[in-house]
Amino acid sequence: MKSQLDDISIVQKRLELLWSARLRDKSKTKKAVEIQDRLSKKSSINWSGAEEIKKWREKR
C-alpha cells in the first residue's frame, strides 16, 4: 500500500513539473511576441520578422 502511494506521489510531482514547464514556455513565447510587436511598431512599416530571421541565417 505504501509503495502505491509513493508511486502516485512521484507521478503527481512529475506531472506538476511538466505542467509548470509548459506554462513557462508559453509565457516566454508571449513575452517574445510582445517585444517583437513593440519593436516592429518603432521601426519602419515594412519590417518583417521572417525577413530578419532570414538575414541572420544567411550571415552564418
PDB file of N, CA and C in Angstrom:
ATOM      1  N   MET A   1       0.831  -1.211   0.000  1.00  0.00           N
ATOM      2  CA  MET A   1       0.000   0.000   0.000  1.00  0.00           C
ATOM      3  C   MET A   1       0.867   1.264   0.000  1.00  0.00           C
ATOM      4  N   LYS A   2       1.894   1.273   0.821  1.00  0.00           N
ATOM      5  CA  LYS A   2       2.782   2.423   0.899  1.00  0.00           C
ATOM      6  C   LYS A   2       3.489   2.661  -0.439  1.00  0.00           C
ATOM      7  N   SER A   3       3.890   1.587  -1.081  1.00  0.00           N
ATOM      8  CA  SER A   3       4.581   1.690  -2.361  1.00  0.00           C
ATOM      9  C   SER A   3       3.687   2.330  -3.423  1.00  0.00           C
ATOM     10  N   GLN A   4       2.426   1.970  -3.437  1.00  0.00           N
ATOM     11  CA  GLN A   4       1.500   2.545  -4.411  1.00  0.00           C
ATOM     12  C   GLN A   4       1.319   4.038  -4.170  1.00  0.00           C
ATOM     13  N   LEU A   5       1.247   4.435  -2.903  1.00  0.00           N
ATOM     14  CA  LEU A   5       1.106   5.858  -2.587  1.00  0.00           C
ATOM     15  C   LEU A   5       2.358   6.626  -2.999  1.00  0.00           C
ATOM     16  N   ASP A   6       3.514   6.002  -2.796  1.00  0.00           N
ATOM     17  CA  ASP A   6       4.766   6.638  -3.226  1.00  0.00           C
ATOM     18  C   ASP A   6       4.788   6.813  -4.741  1.00  0.00           C
ATOM     19  N   ASP A   7       4.359   5.779  -5.465  1.00  0.00           N
ATOM     20  CA  ASP A   7       4.311   5.851  -6.923  1.00  0.00           C
ATOM     21  C   ASP A   7       3.368   6.950  -7.394  1.00  0.00           C
ATOM     22  N   ILE A   8       2.210   7.052  -6.758  1.00  0.00           N
ATOM     23  CA  ILE A   8       1.243   8.087  -7.117  1.00  0.00           C
ATOM     24  C   ILE A   8       1.828   9.466  -6.845  1.00  0.00           C
ATOM     25  N   SER A   9       2.512   9.594  -5.718  1.00  0.00           N
ATOM     26  CA  SER A   9       3.120  10.879  -5.364  1.00  0.00           C
ATOM     27  C   SER A   9       4.186  11.280  -6.383  1.00  0.00           C
ATOM     28  N   ILE A  10       4.992  10.321  -6.804  1.00  0.00           N
ATOM     29  CA  ILE A  10       6.044  10.603  -7.787  1.00  0.00           C
ATOM     30  C   ILE A  10       5.419  11.030  -9.115  1.00  0.00           C
ATOM     31  N   VAL A  11       4.408  10.320  -9.550  1.00  0.00           N
ATOM     32  CA  VAL A  11       3.741  10.660 -10.812  1.00  0.00           C
ATOM     33  C   VAL A  11       3.112  12.040 -10.717  1.00  0.00           C
ATOM     34  N   GLN A  12       2.488  12.330  -9.592  1.00  0.00           N
ATOM     35  CA  GLN A  12       1.861  13.637  -9.398  1.00  0.00           C
ATOM     36  C   GLN A  12       2.898  14.754  -9.478  1.00  0.00           C
ATOM     37  N   LYS A  13       4.037  14.568  -8.818  1.00  0.00           N
ATOM     38  CA  LYS A  13       5.092  15.589  -8.849  1.00  0.00           C
ATOM     39  C   LYS A  13       5.630  15.792 -10.258  1.00  0.00           C
ATOM     40  N   ARG A  14       5.800  14.700 -10.994  1.00  0.00           N
ATOM     41  CA  ARG A  14       6.296  14.806 -12.368  1.00  0.00           C
ATOM     42  C   ARG A  14       5.311  15.562 -13.247  1.00  0.00           C
ATOM     43  N   LEU A  15       4.030  15.268 -13.079  1.00  0.00           N
ATOM     44  CA  LEU A  15       3.010  15.967 -13.868  1.00  0.00           C
ATOM     45  C   LEU A  15       2.989  17.459 -13.537  1.00  0.00           C
ATOM     46  N   GLU A  16       3.144  17.781 -12.257  1.00  0.00           N
ATOM     47  CA  GLU A  16       3.192  19.192 -11.858  1.00  0.00           C
ATOM     48  C   GLU A  16       4.379  19.902 -12.508  1.00  0.00           C
ATOM     49  N   LEU A  17       5.534  19.237 -12.541  1.00  0.00           N
ATOM     50  CA  LEU A  17       6.715  19.829 -13.165  1.00  0.00           C
ATOM     51  C   LEU A  17       6.507  20.037 -14.661  1.00  0.00           C
ATOM     52  N   LEU A  18       5.938  19.034 -15.313  1.00  0.00           N
ATOM     53  CA  LEU A  18       5.688  19.156 -16.751  1.00  0.00           C
ATOM     54  C   LEU A  18       4.707  20.280 -17.046  1.00  0.00           C
ATOM     55  N   TRP A  19       3.669  20.374 -16.262  1.00  0.00           N
ATOM     56  CA  TRP A  19       2.650  21.404 -16.467  1.00  0.00           C
ATOM     57  C   TRP A  19       3.237  22.805 -16.261  1.00  0.00           C
ATOM     58  N   SER A  20       4.020  22.969 -15.190  1.00  0.00           N
ATOM     59  CA  SER A  20       4.585  24.298 -14.929  1.00  0.00           C
ATOM     60  C   SER A  20       5.602  24.681 -16.002  1.00  0.00           C
ATOM     61  N   ALA A  21       6.367  23.699 -16.496  1.00  0.00           N
ATOM     62  CA  ALA A  21       7.314  23.992 -17.575  1.00  0.00           C
ATOM     63  C   ALA A  21       6.570  24.420 -18.828  1.00  0.00           C
ATOM     64  N   ARG A  22       5.454  23.792 -19.091  1.00  0.00           N
ATOM     65  CA  ARG A  22       4.663  24.145 -20.273  1.00  0.00           C
ATOM     66  C   ARG A  22       4.134  25.572 -20.155  1.00  0.00           C
ATOM     67  N   LEU A  23       3.670  25.947 -18.979  1.00  0.00           N
ATOM     68  CA  LEU A  23       3.175  27.315 -18.773  1.00  0.00           C
ATOM     69  C   LEU A  23       4.296  28.325 -18.902  1.00  0.00           C
ATOM     70  N   ARG A  24       5.488  27.987 -18.399  1.00  0.00           N
ATOM     71  CA  ARG A  24       6.627  28.885 -18.504  1.00  0.00           C
ATOM     72  C   ARG A  24       6.983  29.131 -19.960  1.00  0.00           C
ATOM     73  N   ASP A  25       6.976  28.072 -20.756  1.00  0.00           N
ATOM     74  CA  ASP A  25       7.284  28.218 -22.176  1.00  0.00           C
ATOM     75  C   ASP A  25       6.297  29.150 -22.866  1.00  0.00           C
ATOM     76  N   LYS A  26       5.011  29.015 -22.525  1.00  0.00           N
ATOM     77  CA  LYS A  26       4.001  29.881 -23.139  1.00  0.00           C
ATOM     78  C   LYS A  26       4.212  31.328 -22.742  1.00  0.00           C
ATOM     79  N   SER A  27       4.554  31.566 -21.477  1.00  0.00           N
ATOM     80  CA  SER A  27       4.732  32.950 -21.042  1.00  0.00           C
ATOM     81  C   SER A  27       5.977  33.562 -21.690  1.00  0.00           C
ATOM     82  N   LYS A  28       7.026  32.766 -21.894  1.00  0.00           N
ATOM     83  CA  LYS A  28       8.217  33.277 -22.581  1.00  0.00           C
ATOM     84  C   LYS A  28       7.898  33.607 -24.026  1.00  0.00           C
ATOM     85  N   THR A  29       7.120  32.749 -24.666  1.00  0.00           N
ATOM     86  CA  THR A  29       6.737  32.986 -26.056  1.00  0.00           C
ATOM     87  C   THR A  29       5.889  34.237 -26.160  1.00  0.00           C
ATOM     88  N   LYS A  30       4.945  34.390 -25.248  1.00  0.00           N
ATOM     89  CA  LYS A  30       4.078  35.562 -25.259  1.00  0.00           C
ATOM     90  C   LYS A  30       4.890  36.844 -25.080  1.00  0.00           C
ATOM     91  N   LYS A  31       5.848  36.810 -24.161  1.00  0.00           N
ATOM     92  CA  LYS A  31       6.683  37.989 -23.933  1.00  0.00           C
ATOM     93  C   LYS A  31       7.520  38.305 -25.163  1.00  0.00           C
ATOM     94  N   ALA A  32       8.063  37.284 -25.807  1.00  0.00           N
ATOM     95  CA  ALA A  32       8.864  37.496 -27.023  1.00  0.00           C
ATOM     96  C   ALA A  32       8.024  38.121 -28.126  1.00  0.00           C
ATOM     97  N   VAL A  33       6.800  37.667 -28.276  1.00  0.00           N
ATOM     98  CA  VAL A  33       5.911  38.230 -29.296  1.00  0.00           C
ATOM     99  C   VAL A  33       5.592  39.691 -28.981  1.00  0.00           C
ATOM    100  N   GLU A  34       5.355  39.987 -27.706  1.00  0.00           N
ATOM    101  CA  GLU A  34       5.066  41.370 -27.314  1.00  0.00           C
ATOM    102  C   GLU A  34       6.255  42.281 -27.620  1.00  0.00           C
ATOM    103  N   ILE A  35       7.454  41.800 -27.331  1.00  0.00           N
ATOM    104  CA  ILE A  35       8.661  42.597 -27.609  1.00  0.00           C
ATOM    105  C   ILE A  35       8.817  42.809 -29.113  1.00  0.00           C
ATOM    106  N   GLN A  36       8.596  41.751 -29.871  1.00  0.00           N
ATOM    107  CA  GLN A  36       8.709  41.861 -31.334  1.00  0.00           C
ATOM    108  C   GLN A  36       7.681  42.845 -31.880  1.00  0.00           C
ATOM    109  N   ASP A  37       6.471  42.810 -31.359  1.00  0.00           N
ATOM    110  CA  ASP A  37       5.442  43.751 -31.801  1.00  0.00           C
ATOM    111  C   ASP A  37       5.830  45.190 -31.494  1.00  0.00           C
ATOM    112  N   ARG A  38       6.373  45.406 -30.295  1.00  0.00           N
ATOM    113  CA  ARG A  38       6.796  46.752 -29.914  1.00  0.00           C
ATOM    114  C   ARG A  38       7.900  47.258 -30.834  1.00  0.00           C
ATOM    115  N   LEU A  39       8.873  46.380 -31.116  1.00  0.00           N
ATOM    116  CA  LEU A  39       9.977  46.781 -31.986  1.00  0.00           C
ATOM    117  C   LEU A  39       9.504  47.059 -33.401  1.00  0.00           C
ATOM    118  N   SER A  40       8.581  46.252 -33.887  1.00  0.00           N
ATOM    119  CA  SER A  40       8.116  46.463 -35.260  1.00  0.00           C
ATOM    120  C   SER A  40       7.350  47.766 -35.396  1.00  0.00           C
ATOM    121  N   LYS A  41       6.663  48.176 -34.330  1.00  0.00           N
ATOM    122  CA  LYS A  41       5.951  49.453 -34.374  1.00  0.00           C
ATOM    123  C   LYS A  41       6.917  50.634 -34.389  1.00  0.00           C
ATOM    124  N   LYS A  42       8.069  50.465 -33.725  1.00  0.00           N
ATOM    125  CA  LYS A  42       9.046  51.547 -33.660  1.00  0.00           C
ATOM    126  C   LYS A  42       9.862  51.662 -34.942  1.00  0.00           C
ATOM    127  N   SER A  43      10.005  50.560 -35.652  1.00  0.00           N
ATOM    128  CA  SER A  43      10.811  50.593 -36.870  1.00  0.00           C
ATOM    129  C   SER A  43       9.926  50.894 -38.075  1.00  0.00           C
ATOM    130  N   SER A  44      10.491  50.751 -39.230  1.00  0.00           N
ATOM    131  CA  SER A  44       9.739  51.082 -40.440  1.00  0.00           C
ATOM    132  C   SER A  44       8.526  50.168 -40.615  1.00  0.00           C
ATOM    133  N   ILE A  45       7.598  50.617 -41.389  1.00  0.00           N
ATOM    134  CA  ILE A  45       6.348  49.882 -41.623  1.00  0.00           C
ATOM    135  C   ILE A  45       6.631  48.579 -42.376  1.00  0.00           C
ATOM    136  N   ASN A  46       7.688  48.536 -43.171  1.00  0.00           N
ATOM    137  CA  ASN A  46       7.992  47.363 -43.987  1.00  0.00           C
ATOM    138  C   ASN A  46       8.771  46.285 -43.238  1.00  0.00           C
ATOM    139  N   TRP A  47       8.941  46.422 -41.939  1.00  0.00           N
ATOM    140  CA  TRP A  47       9.715  45.464 -41.160  1.00  0.00           C
ATOM    141  C   TRP A  47       9.023  44.115 -41.139  1.00  0.00           C
ATOM    142  N   SER A  48       9.811  43.069 -41.335  1.00  0.00           N
ATOM    143  CA  SER A  48       9.277  41.719 -41.343  1.00  0.00           C
ATOM    144  C   SER A  48      10.163  40.818 -40.483  1.00  0.00           C
ATOM    145  N   GLY A  49       9.578  40.182 -39.490  1.00  0.00           N
ATOM    146  CA  GLY A  49      10.322  39.279 -38.620  1.00  0.00           C
ATOM    147  C   GLY A  49      10.925  38.123 -39.396  1.00  0.00           C
ATOM    148  N   ALA A  50      10.175  37.602 -40.345  1.00  0.00           N
ATOM    149  CA  ALA A  50      10.665  36.480 -41.159  1.00  0.00           C
ATOM    150  C   ALA A  50      11.887  36.900 -41.976  1.00  0.00           C
ATOM    151  N   GLU A  51      11.857  38.101 -42.521  1.00  0.00           N
ATOM    152  CA  GLU A  51      12.992  38.589 -43.303  1.00  0.00           C
ATOM    153  C   GLU A  51      14.216  38.797 -42.415  1.00  0.00           C
ATOM    154  N   GLU A  52      14.001  39.282 -41.204  1.00  0.00           N
ATOM    155  CA  GLU A  52      15.117  39.469 -40.268  1.00  0.00           C
ATOM    156  C   GLU A  52      15.770  38.132 -39.939  1.00  0.00           C
ATOM    157  N   ILE A  53      14.972  37.132 -39.690  1.00  0.00           N
ATOM    158  CA  ILE A  53      15.500  35.802 -39.384  1.00  0.00           C
ATOM    159  C   ILE A  53      16.289  35.269 -40.575  1.00  0.00           C
ATOM    160  N   LYS A  54      15.765  35.493 -41.761  1.00  0.00           N
ATOM    161  CA  LYS A  54      16.441  35.045 -42.987  1.00  0.00           C
ATOM    162  C   LYS A  54      17.814  35.704 -43.108  1.00  0.00           C
ATOM    163  N   LYS A  55      17.887  37.008 -42.822  1.00  0.00           N
ATOM    164  CA  LYS A  55      19.161  37.726 -42.885  1.00  0.00           C
ATOM    165  C   LYS A  55      20.173  37.125 -41.916  1.00  0.00           C
ATOM    166  N   TRP A  56      19.739  36.863 -40.677  1.00  0.00           N
ATOM    167  CA  TRP A  56      20.648  36.311 -39.672  1.00  0.00           C
ATOM    168  C   TRP A  56      21.111  34.920 -40.053  1.00  0.00           C
ATOM    169  N   ARG A  57      20.242  34.134 -40.654  1.00  0.00           N
ATOM    170  CA  ARG A  57      20.633  32.786 -41.073  1.00  0.00           C
ATOM    171  C   ARG A  57      21.664  32.846 -42.199  1.00  0.00           C
ATOM    172  N   GLU A  58      21.501  33.808 -43.085  1.00  0.00           N
ATOM    173  CA  GLU A  58      22.426  33.941 -44.201  1.00  0.00           C
ATOM    174  C   GLU A  58      23.802  34.405 -43.733  1.00  0.00           C
ATOM    175  N   LYS A  59      23.858  35.138 -42.629  1.00  0.00           N
ATOM    176  CA  LYS A  59      25.145  35.626 -42.099  1.00  0.00           C
ATOM    177  C   LYS A  59      25.992  34.508 -41.530  1.00  0.00           C
ATOM    178  N   ARG A  60      25.384  33.401 -41.152  1.00  0.00           N
ATOM    179  CA  ARG A  60      26.131  32.290 -40.567  1.00  0.00           C
ATOM    180  C   ARG A  60      26.957  31.635 -41.555  1.00  0.00           C
TER     181      ARG A  60
END
